[in-house]
Amino acid sequence: MRRRHLRPVVVVQDGAVAMARPGVGLPVVLDLDEHPADRFAVKADDRDLGATEDLAEALELAERALPARRVNLELLGEAGSVLAVRVLYRREK
């Protein structure tokens, strides 16, 4: 069985790269200047897996969600509103 990997993640904050996480495929850019998230929620195959204020923790949760068919990261605002959704993994049919 082939091992699955999340896409690379590049975090931009204050106009500079604040964090880069390796992965496979085209990178996902999280621009926290454009979408100032307070929390990060992970969904796998439309199931809520949890939310955290720590992006690294959210990415670990997303990694553990594999072998899901689709893993999303939601950037949440103060009131819990979804500011942006980024696809971290999607299995091709």
N, C-alpha and C. Protein backbone atom coordinates (compact mmCIF):
# COMPACT_ATOMS: atom_id res chain seq x y z
N MET A 1 0.84 -1.18 0.00
CA MET A 1 0.00 0.00 0.00
C MET A 1 0.88 1.24 0.00
N ARG A 2 0.52 2.19 -0.81
CA ARG A 2 1.29 3.43 -0.94
C ARG A 2 1.01 4.36 0.23
N ARG A 3 2.08 4.95 0.79
CA ARG A 3 1.93 5.88 1.91
C ARG A 3 1.38 7.20 1.38
N ARG A 4 0.48 7.80 2.12
CA ARG A 4 -0.12 9.08 1.74
C ARG A 4 0.53 10.20 2.52
N HIS A 5 0.61 11.35 1.89
CA HIS A 5 1.23 12.52 2.52
C HIS A 5 0.34 13.74 2.29
N LEU A 6 0.36 14.63 3.25
CA LEU A 6 -0.31 15.93 3.07
C LEU A 6 0.51 16.77 2.10
N ARG A 7 -0.12 17.78 1.56
CA ARG A 7 0.59 18.74 0.71
C ARG A 7 1.51 19.60 1.57
N PRO A 8 2.56 20.16 1.00
CA PRO A 8 3.41 21.08 1.77
C PRO A 8 2.60 22.29 2.21
N VAL A 9 2.93 22.85 3.35
CA VAL A 9 2.22 24.02 3.88
C VAL A 9 3.22 25.14 4.11
N VAL A 10 2.91 26.32 3.56
CA VAL A 10 3.72 27.52 3.76
C VAL A 10 2.84 28.55 4.45
N VAL A 11 3.30 29.03 5.61
CA VAL A 11 2.55 30.02 6.39
C VAL A 11 3.19 31.38 6.21
N VAL A 12 2.39 32.35 5.78
CA VAL A 12 2.86 33.73 5.61
C VAL A 12 2.23 34.58 6.71
N GLN A 13 3.10 35.30 7.43
CA GLN A 13 2.63 36.19 8.48
C GLN A 13 3.54 37.41 8.51
N ASP A 14 2.94 38.58 8.63
CA ASP A 14 3.67 39.86 8.60
C ASP A 14 4.51 39.99 7.33
N GLY A 15 3.95 39.49 6.21
CA GLY A 15 4.58 39.64 4.91
C GLY A 15 5.77 38.73 4.65
N ALA A 16 6.05 37.79 5.55
CA ALA A 16 7.19 36.89 5.37
C ALA A 16 6.77 35.45 5.67
N VAL A 17 7.57 34.53 5.20
CA VAL A 17 7.31 33.12 5.49
C VAL A 17 7.64 32.87 6.95
N ALA A 18 6.64 32.47 7.72
CA ALA A 18 6.81 32.23 9.14
C ALA A 18 7.04 30.76 9.44
N MET A 19 6.58 29.90 8.54
CA MET A 19 6.70 28.46 8.76
C MET A 19 6.56 27.74 7.43
N ALA A 20 7.31 26.68 7.27
CA ALA A 20 7.17 25.83 6.08
C ALA A 20 7.19 24.39 6.55
N ARG A 21 6.24 23.62 6.07
CA ARG A 21 6.14 22.21 6.43
C ARG A 21 6.23 21.40 5.16
N PRO A 22 7.12 20.40 5.11
CA PRO A 22 7.26 19.61 3.88
C PRO A 22 6.04 18.73 3.62
N GLY A 23 5.93 18.32 2.39
CA GLY A 23 4.85 17.44 2.00
C GLY A 23 5.04 17.03 0.55
N VAL A 24 3.98 16.54 -0.06
CA VAL A 24 4.03 16.07 -1.43
C VAL A 24 3.00 16.83 -2.26
N GLY A 25 3.41 17.33 -3.42
CA GLY A 25 2.49 18.04 -4.31
C GLY A 25 2.69 19.54 -4.25
N LEU A 26 1.70 20.24 -4.77
CA LEU A 26 1.76 21.70 -4.77
C LEU A 26 1.52 22.23 -3.36
N PRO A 27 2.22 23.28 -2.97
CA PRO A 27 2.08 23.79 -1.59
C PRO A 27 0.74 24.49 -1.35
N VAL A 28 0.31 24.41 -0.11
CA VAL A 28 -0.85 25.14 0.37
C VAL A 28 -0.29 26.38 1.07
N VAL A 29 -0.74 27.56 0.66
CA VAL A 29 -0.27 28.80 1.29
C VAL A 29 -1.35 29.28 2.25
N LEU A 30 -0.96 29.44 3.51
CA LEU A 30 -1.85 29.99 4.54
C LEU A 30 -1.37 31.41 4.81
N ASP A 31 -2.07 32.38 4.26
CA ASP A 31 -1.69 33.78 4.45
C ASP A 31 -2.46 34.33 5.65
N LEU A 32 -1.79 34.37 6.79
CA LEU A 32 -2.44 34.81 8.02
C LEU A 32 -2.60 36.32 8.07
N ASP A 33 -1.97 37.04 7.14
CA ASP A 33 -2.23 38.48 7.02
C ASP A 33 -3.59 38.70 6.36
N GLU A 34 -3.89 37.88 5.36
CA GLU A 34 -5.16 37.97 4.65
C GLU A 34 -6.30 37.36 5.45
N HIS A 35 -6.02 36.24 6.11
CA HIS A 35 -7.02 35.52 6.91
C HIS A 35 -6.47 35.34 8.33
N PRO A 36 -6.60 36.36 9.18
CA PRO A 36 -6.02 36.29 10.54
C PRO A 36 -6.79 35.32 11.44
N ALA A 37 -6.43 34.06 11.36
CA ALA A 37 -7.15 33.01 12.07
C ALA A 37 -6.77 32.97 13.55
N ASP A 38 -7.76 32.69 14.39
CA ASP A 38 -7.55 32.49 15.82
C ASP A 38 -7.45 31.00 16.15
N ARG A 39 -8.10 30.18 15.30
CA ARG A 39 -8.11 28.73 15.52
C ARG A 39 -8.05 28.03 14.16
N PHE A 40 -7.68 26.76 14.22
CA PHE A 40 -7.57 25.95 13.02
C PHE A 40 -8.35 24.66 13.26
N ALA A 41 -9.28 24.36 12.37
CA ALA A 41 -10.10 23.15 12.49
C ALA A 41 -9.73 22.18 11.38
N VAL A 42 -9.77 20.90 11.71
CA VAL A 42 -9.44 19.85 10.74
C VAL A 42 -10.69 19.02 10.48
N LYS A 43 -10.95 18.78 9.20
CA LYS A 43 -12.05 17.90 8.79
C LYS A 43 -11.49 16.85 7.85
N ALA A 44 -11.95 15.62 8.06
CA ALA A 44 -11.55 14.52 7.19
C ALA A 44 -12.82 13.86 6.69
N ASP A 45 -12.97 13.80 5.40
CA ASP A 45 -14.18 13.24 4.79
C ASP A 45 -15.43 13.84 5.43
N ASP A 46 -15.41 15.17 5.63
CA ASP A 46 -16.52 15.95 6.19
C ASP A 46 -16.83 15.65 7.65
N ARG A 47 -15.94 14.97 8.36
CA ARG A 47 -16.08 14.75 9.80
C ARG A 47 -15.19 15.74 10.54
N ASP A 48 -15.72 16.40 11.55
CA ASP A 48 -14.93 17.30 12.37
C ASP A 48 -14.00 16.49 13.25
N LEU A 49 -12.70 16.78 13.17
CA LEU A 49 -11.73 16.06 13.99
C LEU A 49 -11.23 16.89 15.15
N GLY A 50 -11.58 18.16 15.15
CA GLY A 50 -11.16 19.02 16.26
C GLY A 50 -10.64 20.35 15.78
N ALA A 51 -10.47 21.25 16.74
CA ALA A 51 -9.95 22.59 16.44
C ALA A 51 -8.96 22.97 17.53
N THR A 52 -7.98 23.77 17.17
CA THR A 52 -6.93 24.18 18.10
C THR A 52 -6.41 25.56 17.71
N GLU A 53 -5.80 26.24 18.67
CA GLU A 53 -5.16 27.53 18.39
C GLU A 53 -3.77 27.34 17.81
N ASP A 54 -3.23 26.13 17.91
CA ASP A 54 -1.86 25.82 17.48
C ASP A 54 -1.89 25.18 16.09
N LEU A 55 -1.33 25.88 15.10
CA LEU A 55 -1.33 25.38 13.73
C LEU A 55 -0.55 24.07 13.62
N ALA A 56 0.59 23.96 14.28
CA ALA A 56 1.38 22.72 14.22
C ALA A 56 0.57 21.54 14.74
N GLU A 57 -0.18 21.76 15.81
CA GLU A 57 -1.03 20.70 16.36
C GLU A 57 -2.13 20.32 15.37
N ALA A 58 -2.70 21.31 14.70
CA ALA A 58 -3.74 21.03 13.70
C ALA A 58 -3.17 20.22 12.54
N LEU A 59 -1.94 20.53 12.12
CA LEU A 59 -1.33 19.78 11.03
C LEU A 59 -1.01 18.35 11.44
N GLU A 60 -0.64 18.15 12.70
CA GLU A 60 -0.42 16.78 13.19
C GLU A 60 -1.73 16.00 13.19
N LEU A 61 -2.80 16.65 13.59
CA LEU A 61 -4.13 16.03 13.58
C LEU A 61 -4.51 15.65 12.15
N ALA A 62 -4.22 16.53 11.21
CA ALA A 62 -4.52 16.26 9.80
C ALA A 62 -3.72 15.07 9.29
N GLU A 63 -2.46 14.98 9.69
CA GLU A 63 -1.60 13.87 9.27
C GLU A 63 -2.17 12.54 9.80
N ARG A 64 -2.65 12.55 11.02
CA ARG A 64 -3.22 11.33 11.61
C ARG A 64 -4.55 10.96 10.95
N ALA A 65 -5.19 11.90 10.28
CA ALA A 65 -6.47 11.64 9.62
C ALA A 65 -6.32 10.79 8.37
N LEU A 66 -5.13 10.72 7.82
CA LEU A 66 -4.92 9.86 6.65
C LEU A 66 -5.10 8.42 7.09
N PRO A 67 -5.74 7.58 6.38
CA PRO A 67 -6.00 7.55 4.95
C PRO A 67 -7.37 8.05 4.50
N ALA A 68 -7.84 9.13 5.03
CA ALA A 68 -9.10 9.72 4.57
C ALA A 68 -9.00 10.06 3.09
N ARG A 69 -10.13 10.18 2.44
CA ARG A 69 -10.13 10.55 1.03
C ARG A 69 -9.88 12.04 0.83
N ARG A 70 -10.23 12.84 1.85
CA ARG A 70 -10.04 14.29 1.75
C ARG A 70 -9.81 14.84 3.16
N VAL A 71 -8.80 15.71 3.29
CA VAL A 71 -8.50 16.35 4.57
C VAL A 71 -8.43 17.86 4.33
N ASN A 72 -9.28 18.60 5.06
CA ASN A 72 -9.33 20.06 4.94
C ASN A 72 -8.86 20.71 6.22
N LEU A 73 -8.28 21.89 6.07
CA LEU A 73 -7.93 22.75 7.20
C LEU A 73 -8.77 24.00 7.08
N GLU A 74 -9.53 24.31 8.13
CA GLU A 74 -10.34 25.52 8.13
C GLU A 74 -9.67 26.56 9.02
N LEU A 75 -9.55 27.78 8.53
CA LEU A 75 -9.04 28.90 9.31
C LEU A 75 -10.24 29.60 9.91
N LEU A 76 -10.29 29.66 11.23
CA LEU A 76 -11.45 30.19 11.93
C LEU A 76 -11.15 31.54 12.56
N GLY A 77 -12.13 32.45 12.49
CA GLY A 77 -12.01 33.77 13.09
C GLY A 77 -12.42 33.74 14.55
N GLU A 78 -12.46 34.92 15.16
CA GLU A 78 -12.77 35.06 16.59
C GLU A 78 -14.08 34.37 16.99
N ALA A 79 -15.12 34.60 16.23
CA ALA A 79 -16.44 34.06 16.57
C ALA A 79 -16.64 32.63 16.06
N GLY A 80 -15.58 32.01 15.57
CA GLY A 80 -15.69 30.66 15.04
C GLY A 80 -16.12 30.62 13.59
N SER A 81 -16.22 31.79 12.96
CA SER A 81 -16.60 31.83 11.55
C SER A 81 -15.44 31.33 10.69
N VAL A 82 -15.78 30.66 9.60
CA VAL A 82 -14.76 30.12 8.70
C VAL A 82 -14.26 31.24 7.80
N LEU A 83 -12.97 31.54 7.92
CA LEU A 83 -12.35 32.57 7.08
C LEU A 83 -11.87 32.00 5.75
N ALA A 84 -11.38 30.77 5.78
CA ALA A 84 -10.86 30.13 4.57
C ALA A 84 -10.79 28.63 4.81
N VAL A 85 -10.86 27.87 3.72
CA VAL A 85 -10.71 26.41 3.77
C VAL A 85 -9.61 26.04 2.79
N ARG A 86 -8.68 25.22 3.25
CA ARG A 86 -7.59 24.77 2.39
C ARG A 86 -7.57 23.25 2.38
N VAL A 87 -7.43 22.66 1.19
CA VAL A 87 -7.38 21.21 1.03
C VAL A 87 -5.93 20.77 1.23
N LEU A 88 -5.72 19.95 2.28
CA LEU A 88 -4.39 19.45 2.58
C LEU A 88 -4.12 18.12 1.90
N TYR A 89 -5.20 17.38 1.61
CA TYR A 89 -5.06 16.11 0.92
C TYR A 89 -6.38 15.78 0.23
N ARG A 90 -6.27 15.29 -0.99
CA ARG A 90 -7.44 14.79 -1.72
C ARG A 90 -6.96 13.62 -2.58
N ARG A 91 -7.59 12.49 -2.37
CA ARG A 91 -7.24 11.31 -3.15
C ARG A 91 -7.87 11.44 -4.53
N GLU A 92 -7.05 11.24 -5.53
CA GLU A 92 -7.54 11.27 -6.90
C GLU A 92 -8.28 9.99 -7.20
N LYS A 93 -9.35 10.09 -7.95
CA LYS A 93 -10.17 8.91 -8.28
C LYS A 93 -9.51 8.09 -9.34
